[in-house]
N, C-alpha and C. Protein backbone atom coordinates (compact mmCIF):
# COMPACT_ATOMS: atom_id res chain seq x y z
N UNK A 1 -19.11 -52.52 10.11
CA UNK A 1 -18.46 -51.24 9.95
C UNK A 1 -17.41 -51.04 11.04
N UNK A 2 -17.76 -51.41 12.27
CA UNK A 2 -16.81 -51.26 13.37
C UNK A 2 -15.57 -52.12 13.13
N UNK A 3 -15.77 -53.37 12.68
CA UNK A 3 -14.62 -54.23 12.41
C UNK A 3 -13.76 -53.65 11.29
N UNK A 4 -14.41 -53.09 10.27
CA UNK A 4 -13.66 -52.47 9.17
C UNK A 4 -12.85 -51.29 9.69
N UNK A 5 -13.42 -50.52 10.63
CA UNK A 5 -12.69 -49.40 11.22
C UNK A 5 -11.46 -49.89 11.97
N UNK A 6 -11.64 -50.92 12.81
CA UNK A 6 -10.52 -51.46 13.57
C UNK A 6 -9.44 -51.99 12.63
N UNK A 7 -9.87 -52.71 11.59
CA UNK A 7 -8.91 -53.24 10.63
C UNK A 7 -8.18 -52.11 9.89
N UNK A 8 -8.89 -51.04 9.60
CA UNK A 8 -8.27 -49.88 8.93
C UNK A 8 -7.24 -49.21 9.82
N UNK A 9 -7.60 -48.98 11.08
CA UNK A 9 -6.66 -48.35 12.02
C UNK A 9 -5.42 -49.23 12.20
N UNK A 10 -5.61 -50.53 12.21
CA UNK A 10 -4.48 -51.46 12.36
C UNK A 10 -3.77 -51.71 11.03
N UNK A 11 -4.20 -51.02 9.99
CA UNK A 11 -3.60 -51.06 8.66
C UNK A 11 -3.69 -52.45 8.03
N UNK A 12 -4.79 -53.14 8.32
CA UNK A 12 -5.04 -54.45 7.71
C UNK A 12 -5.86 -54.31 6.43
N UNK A 13 -6.60 -53.21 6.31
CA UNK A 13 -7.37 -52.94 5.09
C UNK A 13 -7.11 -51.51 4.65
N UNK A 14 -7.38 -51.25 3.37
CA UNK A 14 -7.17 -49.92 2.81
C UNK A 14 -8.34 -49.00 3.16
N UNK A 15 -8.11 -47.71 2.97
CA UNK A 15 -9.17 -46.73 3.23
C UNK A 15 -10.38 -46.99 2.35
N UNK A 16 -10.16 -47.43 1.11
CA UNK A 16 -11.29 -47.77 0.23
C UNK A 16 -12.17 -48.86 0.84
N UNK A 17 -11.54 -49.86 1.46
CA UNK A 17 -12.30 -50.94 2.08
C UNK A 17 -13.13 -50.43 3.26
N UNK A 18 -12.53 -49.53 4.05
CA UNK A 18 -13.25 -48.95 5.18
C UNK A 18 -14.47 -48.17 4.70
N UNK A 19 -14.30 -47.37 3.64
CA UNK A 19 -15.44 -46.58 3.15
C UNK A 19 -16.47 -47.45 2.45
N UNK A 20 -16.06 -48.59 1.91
CA UNK A 20 -17.03 -49.54 1.36
C UNK A 20 -17.90 -50.11 2.49
N UNK A 21 -17.29 -50.36 3.65
CA UNK A 21 -18.05 -50.85 4.81
C UNK A 21 -19.02 -49.79 5.31
N UNK A 22 -18.59 -48.53 5.31
CA UNK A 22 -19.49 -47.43 5.71
C UNK A 22 -20.70 -47.39 4.78
N UNK A 23 -20.45 -47.47 3.47
CA UNK A 23 -21.54 -47.43 2.48
C UNK A 23 -22.47 -48.63 2.66
N UNK A 24 -21.90 -49.81 2.92
CA UNK A 24 -22.73 -51.01 3.11
C UNK A 24 -23.58 -50.87 4.36
N UNK A 25 -23.00 -50.32 5.43
CA UNK A 25 -23.77 -50.13 6.66
C UNK A 25 -24.91 -49.13 6.42
N UNK A 26 -24.60 -48.05 5.75
CA UNK A 26 -25.63 -47.05 5.47
C UNK A 26 -26.76 -47.66 4.63
N UNK A 27 -26.40 -48.48 3.63
CA UNK A 27 -27.41 -49.11 2.78
C UNK A 27 -28.29 -50.10 3.54
N UNK A 28 -27.77 -50.61 4.68
CA UNK A 28 -28.54 -51.60 5.45
C UNK A 28 -29.57 -50.95 6.39
N UNK A 29 -29.53 -49.63 6.53
CA UNK A 29 -30.45 -48.94 7.45
C UNK A 29 -31.81 -48.78 6.76
N UNK A 30 -32.87 -49.28 7.38
CA UNK A 30 -34.21 -49.17 6.77
C UNK A 30 -34.64 -47.71 6.56
N UNK A 31 -35.49 -47.51 5.58
CA UNK A 31 -35.96 -46.17 5.21
C UNK A 31 -36.58 -45.42 6.38
N UNK A 32 -37.29 -46.14 7.25
CA UNK A 32 -37.95 -45.47 8.37
C UNK A 32 -36.96 -44.93 9.41
N UNK A 33 -35.69 -45.27 9.25
CA UNK A 33 -34.66 -44.76 10.15
C UNK A 33 -33.66 -43.89 9.38
N UNK A 34 -34.18 -43.15 8.42
CA UNK A 34 -33.33 -42.30 7.58
C UNK A 34 -32.59 -41.25 8.41
N UNK A 35 -33.16 -40.82 9.53
CA UNK A 35 -32.48 -39.84 10.37
C UNK A 35 -31.17 -40.41 10.92
N UNK A 36 -31.16 -41.71 11.23
CA UNK A 36 -29.93 -42.34 11.70
C UNK A 36 -28.90 -42.41 10.57
N UNK A 37 -29.39 -42.65 9.36
CA UNK A 37 -28.48 -42.71 8.20
C UNK A 37 -27.74 -41.39 8.01
N UNK A 38 -28.36 -40.29 8.44
CA UNK A 38 -27.70 -38.99 8.34
C UNK A 38 -26.41 -38.94 9.13
N UNK A 39 -26.36 -39.64 10.25
CA UNK A 39 -25.13 -39.69 11.04
C UNK A 39 -24.04 -40.43 10.28
N UNK A 40 -24.43 -41.47 9.55
CA UNK A 40 -23.45 -42.24 8.78
C UNK A 40 -22.94 -41.40 7.60
N UNK A 41 -23.79 -40.55 7.06
CA UNK A 41 -23.36 -39.67 5.97
C UNK A 41 -22.23 -38.74 6.42
N UNK A 42 -22.23 -38.37 7.70
CA UNK A 42 -21.13 -37.55 8.22
C UNK A 42 -19.80 -38.27 8.05
N UNK A 43 -19.80 -39.58 8.26
CA UNK A 43 -18.57 -40.34 8.08
C UNK A 43 -18.14 -40.33 6.62
N UNK A 44 -19.12 -40.44 5.71
CA UNK A 44 -18.79 -40.44 4.28
C UNK A 44 -18.14 -39.12 3.85
N UNK A 45 -18.45 -38.05 4.54
CA UNK A 45 -17.89 -36.74 4.21
C UNK A 45 -16.46 -36.56 4.72
N UNK A 46 -15.95 -37.54 5.42
CA UNK A 46 -14.63 -37.41 6.06
C UNK A 46 -13.53 -38.14 5.30
N UNK A 47 -13.73 -38.39 4.01
CA UNK A 47 -12.73 -39.15 3.26
C UNK A 47 -11.36 -38.45 3.25
N UNK A 48 -11.34 -37.14 3.07
CA UNK A 48 -10.06 -36.42 3.07
C UNK A 48 -9.33 -36.56 4.38
N UNK A 49 -10.07 -36.46 5.48
CA UNK A 49 -9.47 -36.62 6.80
C UNK A 49 -8.95 -38.05 6.97
N UNK A 50 -9.73 -39.02 6.47
CA UNK A 50 -9.31 -40.42 6.57
C UNK A 50 -8.02 -40.68 5.80
N UNK A 51 -7.91 -40.10 4.61
CA UNK A 51 -6.68 -40.28 3.82
C UNK A 51 -5.47 -39.70 4.56
N UNK A 52 -5.63 -38.50 5.13
CA UNK A 52 -4.53 -37.87 5.87
C UNK A 52 -4.19 -38.68 7.12
N UNK A 53 -5.21 -39.19 7.80
CA UNK A 53 -4.98 -39.97 9.01
C UNK A 53 -4.30 -41.29 8.68
N UNK A 54 -4.70 -41.91 7.57
CA UNK A 54 -4.05 -43.17 7.16
C UNK A 54 -2.56 -42.95 6.94
N UNK A 55 -2.21 -41.82 6.38
CA UNK A 55 -0.78 -41.50 6.18
C UNK A 55 -0.08 -41.35 7.53
N UNK A 56 -0.73 -40.68 8.49
CA UNK A 56 -0.14 -40.54 9.83
C UNK A 56 0.02 -41.89 10.51
N UNK A 57 -1.01 -42.74 10.37
CA UNK A 57 -0.93 -44.07 10.98
C UNK A 57 0.21 -44.88 10.39
N UNK A 58 0.40 -44.75 9.08
CA UNK A 58 1.46 -45.51 8.41
C UNK A 58 2.85 -45.11 8.90
N UNK A 59 3.01 -43.85 9.29
CA UNK A 59 4.32 -43.40 9.77
C UNK A 59 4.52 -43.67 11.26
N UNK A 60 3.45 -44.06 11.94
CA UNK A 60 3.54 -44.31 13.37
C UNK A 60 3.49 -43.06 14.21
N UNK A 61 3.18 -41.91 13.57
CA UNK A 61 3.15 -40.63 14.28
C UNK A 61 2.03 -40.58 15.32
N UNK A 62 0.87 -41.09 14.95
CA UNK A 62 -0.30 -40.98 15.81
C UNK A 62 -0.60 -42.32 16.46
N UNK A 63 -0.44 -42.38 17.75
CA UNK A 63 -0.63 -43.66 18.45
C UNK A 63 -2.08 -43.87 18.87
N UNK A 64 -2.70 -42.84 19.42
CA UNK A 64 -4.04 -42.98 19.99
C UNK A 64 -5.10 -42.14 19.29
N UNK A 65 -4.76 -41.51 18.17
CA UNK A 65 -5.64 -40.50 17.59
C UNK A 65 -7.05 -41.02 17.29
N UNK A 66 -7.17 -42.26 16.91
CA UNK A 66 -8.48 -42.80 16.56
C UNK A 66 -9.01 -43.80 17.57
N UNK A 67 -8.36 -43.92 18.70
CA UNK A 67 -8.88 -44.84 19.71
C UNK A 67 -10.15 -44.23 20.30
N UNK A 68 -11.26 -44.96 20.22
CA UNK A 68 -12.53 -44.38 20.69
C UNK A 68 -12.63 -44.25 22.20
N UNK A 69 -11.69 -44.82 22.94
CA UNK A 69 -11.79 -44.79 24.40
C UNK A 69 -11.80 -43.37 24.95
N UNK A 70 -10.96 -42.50 24.41
CA UNK A 70 -10.85 -41.15 24.97
C UNK A 70 -12.11 -40.32 24.69
N UNK A 71 -12.55 -40.16 23.43
CA UNK A 71 -13.77 -39.37 23.22
C UNK A 71 -15.02 -40.04 23.81
N UNK A 72 -15.06 -41.38 23.81
CA UNK A 72 -16.23 -42.05 24.40
C UNK A 72 -16.30 -41.79 25.90
N UNK A 73 -15.15 -41.86 26.57
CA UNK A 73 -15.13 -41.58 28.01
C UNK A 73 -15.55 -40.14 28.27
N UNK A 74 -15.05 -39.21 27.46
CA UNK A 74 -15.43 -37.80 27.65
C UNK A 74 -16.94 -37.63 27.49
N UNK A 75 -17.51 -38.20 26.43
CA UNK A 75 -18.96 -38.07 26.19
C UNK A 75 -19.78 -38.70 27.31
N UNK A 76 -19.37 -39.88 27.75
CA UNK A 76 -20.10 -40.54 28.84
C UNK A 76 -20.01 -39.74 30.13
N UNK A 77 -18.81 -39.24 30.43
CA UNK A 77 -18.64 -38.47 31.67
C UNK A 77 -19.44 -37.17 31.64
N UNK A 78 -19.44 -36.47 30.51
CA UNK A 78 -20.18 -35.21 30.47
C UNK A 78 -21.69 -35.47 30.56
N UNK A 79 -22.16 -36.55 29.92
CA UNK A 79 -23.59 -36.89 30.04
C UNK A 79 -23.94 -37.24 31.48
N UNK A 80 -23.09 -38.05 32.11
CA UNK A 80 -23.33 -38.44 33.49
C UNK A 80 -23.23 -37.22 34.41
N UNK A 81 -22.28 -36.35 34.12
CA UNK A 81 -22.10 -35.15 34.94
C UNK A 81 -23.30 -34.22 34.89
N UNK A 82 -24.00 -34.18 33.77
CA UNK A 82 -25.22 -33.35 33.68
C UNK A 82 -26.27 -33.81 34.68
N UNK A 83 -26.28 -35.10 34.98
CA UNK A 83 -27.27 -35.63 35.92
C UNK A 83 -26.84 -35.54 37.38
N UNK A 84 -25.53 -35.74 37.65
CA UNK A 84 -25.10 -35.84 39.04
C UNK A 84 -24.10 -34.78 39.48
N UNK A 85 -23.59 -33.99 38.54
CA UNK A 85 -22.55 -33.02 38.89
C UNK A 85 -21.18 -33.68 38.87
N UNK A 86 -20.24 -33.12 39.63
CA UNK A 86 -18.89 -33.69 39.63
C UNK A 86 -18.87 -35.02 40.37
N UNK A 87 -17.97 -35.90 39.94
CA UNK A 87 -17.89 -37.23 40.53
C UNK A 87 -16.47 -37.76 40.40
N UNK A 88 -16.20 -38.84 41.10
CA UNK A 88 -14.92 -39.56 41.01
C UNK A 88 -15.14 -40.78 40.15
N UNK A 89 -14.26 -41.00 39.19
CA UNK A 89 -14.41 -42.11 38.25
C UNK A 89 -13.42 -43.21 38.59
N UNK A 90 -13.94 -44.43 38.68
CA UNK A 90 -13.08 -45.60 38.81
C UNK A 90 -13.18 -46.33 37.48
N UNK A 91 -12.06 -46.45 36.80
CA UNK A 91 -12.02 -47.00 35.44
C UNK A 91 -11.14 -48.25 35.45
N UNK A 92 -11.54 -49.24 34.67
CA UNK A 92 -10.66 -50.40 34.58
C UNK A 92 -9.33 -49.98 33.96
N UNK A 93 -8.29 -50.70 34.26
CA UNK A 93 -6.96 -50.33 33.80
C UNK A 93 -6.95 -50.15 32.29
N UNK A 94 -6.48 -48.99 31.83
CA UNK A 94 -6.48 -48.65 30.41
C UNK A 94 -5.25 -47.83 30.10
N UNK A 95 -4.37 -48.38 29.28
CA UNK A 95 -3.16 -47.65 28.90
C UNK A 95 -3.52 -46.41 28.09
N UNK A 96 -4.54 -46.51 27.24
CA UNK A 96 -4.94 -45.36 26.40
C UNK A 96 -5.46 -44.22 27.26
N UNK A 97 -6.36 -44.52 28.19
CA UNK A 97 -6.91 -43.48 29.06
C UNK A 97 -5.80 -42.90 29.93
N UNK A 98 -4.93 -43.74 30.44
CA UNK A 98 -3.82 -43.26 31.27
C UNK A 98 -2.91 -42.32 30.47
N UNK A 99 -2.58 -42.70 29.22
CA UNK A 99 -1.72 -41.84 28.39
C UNK A 99 -2.39 -40.51 28.08
N UNK A 100 -3.72 -40.49 28.05
CA UNK A 100 -4.46 -39.28 27.66
C UNK A 100 -5.17 -38.61 28.83
N UNK A 101 -4.81 -38.97 30.05
CA UNK A 101 -5.46 -38.39 31.23
C UNK A 101 -5.28 -36.88 31.29
N UNK A 102 -4.11 -36.38 30.94
CA UNK A 102 -3.88 -34.93 30.95
C UNK A 102 -4.77 -34.24 29.92
N UNK A 103 -4.87 -34.82 28.74
CA UNK A 103 -5.76 -34.27 27.72
C UNK A 103 -7.20 -34.20 28.22
N UNK A 104 -7.66 -35.27 28.87
CA UNK A 104 -9.03 -35.27 29.39
C UNK A 104 -9.23 -34.17 30.44
N UNK A 105 -8.23 -33.94 31.26
CA UNK A 105 -8.35 -32.89 32.29
C UNK A 105 -8.28 -31.48 31.71
N UNK A 106 -7.68 -31.35 30.51
CA UNK A 106 -7.53 -30.03 29.89
C UNK A 106 -8.45 -29.82 28.69
N UNK A 107 -9.41 -30.72 28.49
CA UNK A 107 -10.24 -30.68 27.29
C UNK A 107 -11.05 -29.38 27.18
N UNK A 108 -11.31 -28.74 28.31
CA UNK A 108 -12.08 -27.49 28.29
C UNK A 108 -11.29 -26.33 27.66
N UNK A 109 -9.99 -26.53 27.45
CA UNK A 109 -9.18 -25.50 26.80
C UNK A 109 -9.17 -25.66 25.28
N UNK A 110 -9.80 -26.72 24.79
CA UNK A 110 -9.83 -27.00 23.35
C UNK A 110 -11.15 -26.56 22.74
N UNK A 111 -11.13 -26.11 21.48
CA UNK A 111 -12.39 -25.70 20.83
C UNK A 111 -13.30 -26.89 20.61
N UNK A 112 -14.60 -26.64 20.73
CA UNK A 112 -15.63 -27.65 20.45
C UNK A 112 -15.85 -27.65 18.95
N UNK A 113 -15.36 -28.67 18.27
CA UNK A 113 -15.42 -28.70 16.81
C UNK A 113 -16.85 -28.78 16.29
N UNK A 114 -17.77 -29.28 17.10
CA UNK A 114 -19.17 -29.37 16.68
C UNK A 114 -19.89 -28.04 16.84
N UNK A 115 -19.32 -27.13 17.62
CA UNK A 115 -19.94 -25.82 17.88
C UNK A 115 -18.88 -24.73 17.75
N UNK A 116 -18.62 -24.27 16.52
CA UNK A 116 -17.58 -23.25 16.31
C UNK A 116 -17.77 -22.04 17.21
N UNK A 117 -16.65 -21.56 17.76
CA UNK A 117 -16.70 -20.40 18.64
C UNK A 117 -16.85 -20.76 20.11
N UNK A 118 -17.08 -22.04 20.40
CA UNK A 118 -17.22 -22.48 21.79
C UNK A 118 -16.09 -23.43 22.16
N UNK A 119 -15.87 -23.57 23.44
CA UNK A 119 -14.90 -24.53 23.94
C UNK A 119 -15.63 -25.73 24.52
N UNK A 120 -14.92 -26.85 24.64
CA UNK A 120 -15.51 -28.04 25.25
C UNK A 120 -15.84 -27.78 26.71
N UNK A 121 -16.82 -28.51 27.21
CA UNK A 121 -17.13 -28.47 28.63
C UNK A 121 -16.02 -29.19 29.39
N UNK A 122 -15.74 -28.76 30.61
CA UNK A 122 -14.72 -29.48 31.39
C UNK A 122 -15.21 -30.89 31.74
N UNK A 123 -14.26 -31.78 31.91
CA UNK A 123 -14.59 -33.15 32.32
C UNK A 123 -15.12 -33.10 33.76
N UNK A 124 -16.34 -33.61 34.01
CA UNK A 124 -16.89 -33.51 35.37
C UNK A 124 -16.27 -34.50 36.35
N UNK A 125 -15.48 -35.46 35.85
CA UNK A 125 -14.82 -36.40 36.76
C UNK A 125 -13.64 -35.69 37.41
N UNK A 126 -13.74 -35.41 38.70
CA UNK A 126 -12.69 -34.69 39.42
C UNK A 126 -11.41 -35.53 39.52
N UNK A 127 -11.57 -36.85 39.49
CA UNK A 127 -10.44 -37.73 39.69
C UNK A 127 -10.72 -39.01 38.90
N UNK A 128 -9.69 -39.56 38.27
CA UNK A 128 -9.81 -40.84 37.58
C UNK A 128 -8.85 -41.81 38.24
N UNK A 129 -9.40 -42.87 38.83
CA UNK A 129 -8.58 -43.91 39.45
C UNK A 129 -8.68 -45.17 38.60
N UNK A 130 -7.54 -45.82 38.41
CA UNK A 130 -7.52 -47.06 37.64
C UNK A 130 -7.47 -48.23 38.61
N UNK A 131 -8.26 -49.26 38.29
CA UNK A 131 -8.34 -50.43 39.16
C UNK A 131 -8.74 -51.63 38.33
N UNK A 132 -8.86 -52.78 39.00
CA UNK A 132 -9.40 -53.94 38.29
C UNK A 132 -10.61 -54.46 39.05
N UNK A 133 -11.34 -55.33 38.40
CA UNK A 133 -12.63 -55.75 38.95
C UNK A 133 -12.49 -56.58 40.22
N UNK A 134 -11.30 -57.10 40.52
CA UNK A 134 -11.16 -57.87 41.75
C UNK A 134 -11.26 -56.99 42.99
N UNK A 135 -10.99 -55.69 42.83
CA UNK A 135 -11.01 -54.81 44.00
C UNK A 135 -12.18 -53.83 44.00
N UNK A 136 -12.94 -53.76 42.91
CA UNK A 136 -14.05 -52.81 42.84
C UNK A 136 -15.29 -53.49 42.26
N UNK A 137 -16.30 -53.73 43.09
CA UNK A 137 -17.51 -54.41 42.62
C UNK A 137 -18.21 -53.70 41.46
N UNK A 138 -18.13 -52.35 41.41
CA UNK A 138 -18.79 -51.64 40.31
C UNK A 138 -18.17 -52.00 38.96
N UNK A 139 -16.88 -52.32 38.95
CA UNK A 139 -16.25 -52.76 37.70
C UNK A 139 -16.69 -54.16 37.33
N UNK A 140 -16.99 -54.99 38.32
CA UNK A 140 -17.54 -56.32 38.04
C UNK A 140 -18.90 -56.18 37.36
N UNK A 141 -19.71 -55.23 37.83
CA UNK A 141 -21.02 -55.02 37.22
C UNK A 141 -20.86 -54.48 35.79
N UNK A 142 -19.92 -53.57 35.61
CA UNK A 142 -19.68 -53.03 34.26
C UNK A 142 -19.21 -54.14 33.31
N UNK A 143 -18.33 -55.01 33.79
CA UNK A 143 -17.87 -56.14 32.97
C UNK A 143 -19.03 -57.06 32.63
N UNK A 144 -19.88 -57.33 33.61
CA UNK A 144 -21.03 -58.20 33.36
C UNK A 144 -21.95 -57.56 32.32
N UNK A 145 -22.20 -56.26 32.46
CA UNK A 145 -23.08 -55.57 31.53
C UNK A 145 -22.53 -55.62 30.10
N UNK A 146 -21.24 -55.31 29.95
CA UNK A 146 -20.63 -55.36 28.61
C UNK A 146 -20.68 -56.78 28.05
N UNK A 147 -20.44 -57.77 28.89
CA UNK A 147 -20.52 -59.16 28.44
C UNK A 147 -21.91 -59.56 28.03
N UNK A 148 -22.92 -59.06 28.75
CA UNK A 148 -24.31 -59.38 28.40
C UNK A 148 -24.68 -58.80 27.04
N UNK A 149 -24.27 -57.56 26.80
CA UNK A 149 -24.55 -56.94 25.50
C UNK A 149 -23.84 -57.71 24.40
N UNK A 150 -22.60 -58.09 24.64
CA UNK A 150 -21.85 -58.83 23.62
C UNK A 150 -22.49 -60.18 23.35
N UNK A 151 -22.88 -60.90 24.39
CA UNK A 151 -23.48 -62.23 24.20
C UNK A 151 -24.77 -62.12 23.42
N UNK A 152 -25.59 -61.14 23.73
CA UNK A 152 -26.85 -60.96 23.00
C UNK A 152 -26.57 -60.57 21.55
N UNK A 153 -25.60 -59.69 21.32
CA UNK A 153 -25.28 -59.26 19.97
C UNK A 153 -24.74 -60.41 19.12
N UNK A 154 -23.90 -61.25 19.71
CA UNK A 154 -23.39 -62.42 18.98
C UNK A 154 -24.55 -63.36 18.65
N UNK A 155 -25.46 -63.54 19.58
CA UNK A 155 -26.64 -64.36 19.34
C UNK A 155 -27.43 -63.82 18.14
N UNK A 156 -27.59 -62.50 18.07
CA UNK A 156 -28.30 -61.89 16.94
C UNK A 156 -27.55 -62.10 15.63
N UNK A 157 -26.24 -61.91 15.68
CA UNK A 157 -25.44 -61.93 14.47
C UNK A 157 -25.30 -63.33 13.87
N UNK A 158 -25.16 -64.33 14.71
CA UNK A 158 -24.90 -65.68 14.18
C UNK A 158 -26.09 -66.61 14.32
N UNK A 159 -27.13 -66.17 15.04
CA UNK A 159 -28.30 -67.03 15.22
C UNK A 159 -28.01 -68.12 16.23
N UNK A 160 -29.05 -68.87 16.54
CA UNK A 160 -28.88 -69.96 17.50
C UNK A 160 -28.59 -69.42 18.87
N UNK A 161 -27.65 -70.01 19.54
CA UNK A 161 -27.30 -69.56 20.88
C UNK A 161 -28.13 -70.25 21.93
N UNK A 162 -27.92 -69.89 23.16
CA UNK A 162 -28.63 -70.54 24.25
C UNK A 162 -29.81 -69.69 24.71
N UNK A 163 -30.58 -70.26 25.61
CA UNK A 163 -31.78 -69.59 26.12
C UNK A 163 -31.41 -68.29 26.86
N UNK A 164 -30.29 -68.32 27.57
CA UNK A 164 -29.84 -67.12 28.29
C UNK A 164 -29.64 -65.95 27.34
N UNK A 165 -29.01 -66.21 26.19
CA UNK A 165 -28.79 -65.14 25.20
C UNK A 165 -30.11 -64.54 24.76
N UNK A 166 -31.09 -65.38 24.53
CA UNK A 166 -32.42 -64.90 24.12
C UNK A 166 -33.06 -64.07 25.22
N UNK A 167 -32.94 -64.52 26.46
CA UNK A 167 -33.58 -63.83 27.57
C UNK A 167 -32.91 -62.50 27.90
N UNK A 168 -31.67 -62.30 27.45
CA UNK A 168 -31.00 -61.03 27.66
C UNK A 168 -31.66 -59.90 26.87
N UNK A 169 -32.40 -60.24 25.83
CA UNK A 169 -32.99 -59.23 24.95
C UNK A 169 -33.81 -58.20 25.72
N UNK A 170 -34.61 -58.64 26.67
CA UNK A 170 -35.48 -57.70 27.39
C UNK A 170 -34.68 -56.64 28.15
N UNK A 171 -33.49 -57.01 28.62
CA UNK A 171 -32.66 -56.07 29.37
C UNK A 171 -31.76 -55.27 28.44
N UNK A 172 -31.13 -55.96 27.49
CA UNK A 172 -30.09 -55.35 26.67
C UNK A 172 -30.65 -54.49 25.54
N UNK A 173 -31.71 -54.96 24.89
CA UNK A 173 -32.22 -54.26 23.71
C UNK A 173 -32.51 -52.78 23.96
N UNK A 174 -33.15 -52.40 25.07
CA UNK A 174 -33.39 -50.96 25.30
C UNK A 174 -32.11 -50.14 25.45
N UNK A 175 -31.02 -50.76 25.88
CA UNK A 175 -29.75 -50.03 26.02
C UNK A 175 -29.13 -49.75 24.66
N UNK A 176 -29.33 -50.69 23.72
CA UNK A 176 -28.57 -50.68 22.47
C UNK A 176 -29.35 -50.14 21.29
N UNK A 177 -30.56 -50.68 21.07
CA UNK A 177 -31.34 -50.30 19.89
C UNK A 177 -31.86 -48.88 20.06
N UNK A 178 -31.62 -48.07 19.03
CA UNK A 178 -31.99 -46.66 19.09
C UNK A 178 -30.86 -45.79 19.63
N UNK A 179 -29.79 -46.44 20.07
CA UNK A 179 -28.62 -45.70 20.57
C UNK A 179 -27.40 -46.09 19.74
N UNK A 180 -26.90 -47.30 19.95
CA UNK A 180 -25.75 -47.78 19.18
C UNK A 180 -26.19 -48.27 17.81
N UNK A 181 -27.32 -48.96 17.77
CA UNK A 181 -27.87 -49.49 16.51
C UNK A 181 -29.21 -48.82 16.23
N UNK A 182 -29.53 -48.59 14.94
CA UNK A 182 -30.83 -47.97 14.64
C UNK A 182 -32.00 -48.93 14.86
N UNK A 183 -31.80 -50.24 14.62
CA UNK A 183 -32.86 -51.23 14.82
C UNK A 183 -32.23 -52.49 15.39
N UNK A 184 -33.09 -53.45 15.75
CA UNK A 184 -32.61 -54.74 16.22
C UNK A 184 -32.38 -55.72 15.09
N UNK A 185 -32.58 -55.29 13.84
CA UNK A 185 -32.40 -56.15 12.69
C UNK A 185 -30.92 -56.21 12.32
N UNK A 186 -30.44 -57.39 12.04
CA UNK A 186 -29.03 -57.56 11.69
C UNK A 186 -28.93 -57.83 10.19
N UNK A 187 -28.14 -57.03 9.51
CA UNK A 187 -27.86 -57.22 8.08
C UNK A 187 -26.38 -57.53 7.98
N UNK A 188 -26.06 -58.80 7.76
CA UNK A 188 -24.66 -59.21 7.77
C UNK A 188 -23.86 -58.65 6.61
N UNK A 189 -24.55 -58.16 5.56
CA UNK A 189 -23.82 -57.56 4.45
C UNK A 189 -22.99 -56.36 4.92
N UNK A 190 -23.48 -55.66 5.91
CA UNK A 190 -22.77 -54.46 6.39
C UNK A 190 -21.47 -54.82 7.08
N UNK A 191 -21.31 -56.07 7.52
CA UNK A 191 -20.07 -56.45 8.19
C UNK A 191 -19.09 -57.13 7.24
N UNK A 192 -19.49 -57.30 5.99
CA UNK A 192 -18.62 -57.93 4.99
C UNK A 192 -18.52 -57.04 3.77
N UNK A 193 -17.65 -56.02 3.81
CA UNK A 193 -17.62 -55.00 2.77
C UNK A 193 -17.35 -55.53 1.37
N UNK A 194 -16.66 -56.63 1.20
CA UNK A 194 -16.35 -57.13 -0.12
C UNK A 194 -17.50 -57.89 -0.78
N UNK A 195 -18.51 -58.24 -0.02
CA UNK A 195 -19.62 -59.04 -0.55
C UNK A 195 -20.83 -58.16 -0.82
N UNK A 196 -21.46 -58.34 -1.95
CA UNK A 196 -22.67 -57.59 -2.30
C UNK A 196 -23.82 -58.52 -2.57
C-alpha cells in the first residue's frame, strides 16, 4: 500500500490503482485485528479528496502536500513533547522539513481537523537544527535504527536473509507490530494491487 501511495504521488499509477492497493491491504488484515482495519477504512472514504489531489499533483501546484515527513514529524514531536516538555530537535538534512519549517512553527494557528472546534497543539520543538550523521551521534543511532527495521522487514517480505536479520526480530518487532503493522504476518498480495 505504501509503495502504491508513493507511485500515485509520483503519478506513476492512477488513483484507481492506489485504491485497489488500499482494498488489498485491508483484505489482508486478519479478522482478530478488525479494529486496525477501521483505520484503513478511513482511507477508503477519502476517494473524493484523492481525485482532487491527483488533479493538483498533475498541475504541479502542490509540491509537498502529501509528503508524510511534515505530519509525521509533527505527530512524533507532540508525542515526545508530552513526555519531556519542550526540546531542541536535531533532524537529518531534509528539504521538505526545511521548506515547511514555518508551517510547523505556526501549526497551532490551524484548526485540528480531527477535533472540530479545536486548534492544533503547538510544536514542542523550540528549535529545529539540520545536520548530518557525521557530526551528530544521535543521528547515527537513528540511521542504524531505521536500517535495522528495514533489514528485518525485507527479511520478512522476501524470506531467507542472514542470521542477523532474524535476530533483529526481538528488538524491532515490538517497535513495529501493533503500531505500523497490525501483525507480523506478511501478505504479499497487499503490495501487488494488480494481482488477486
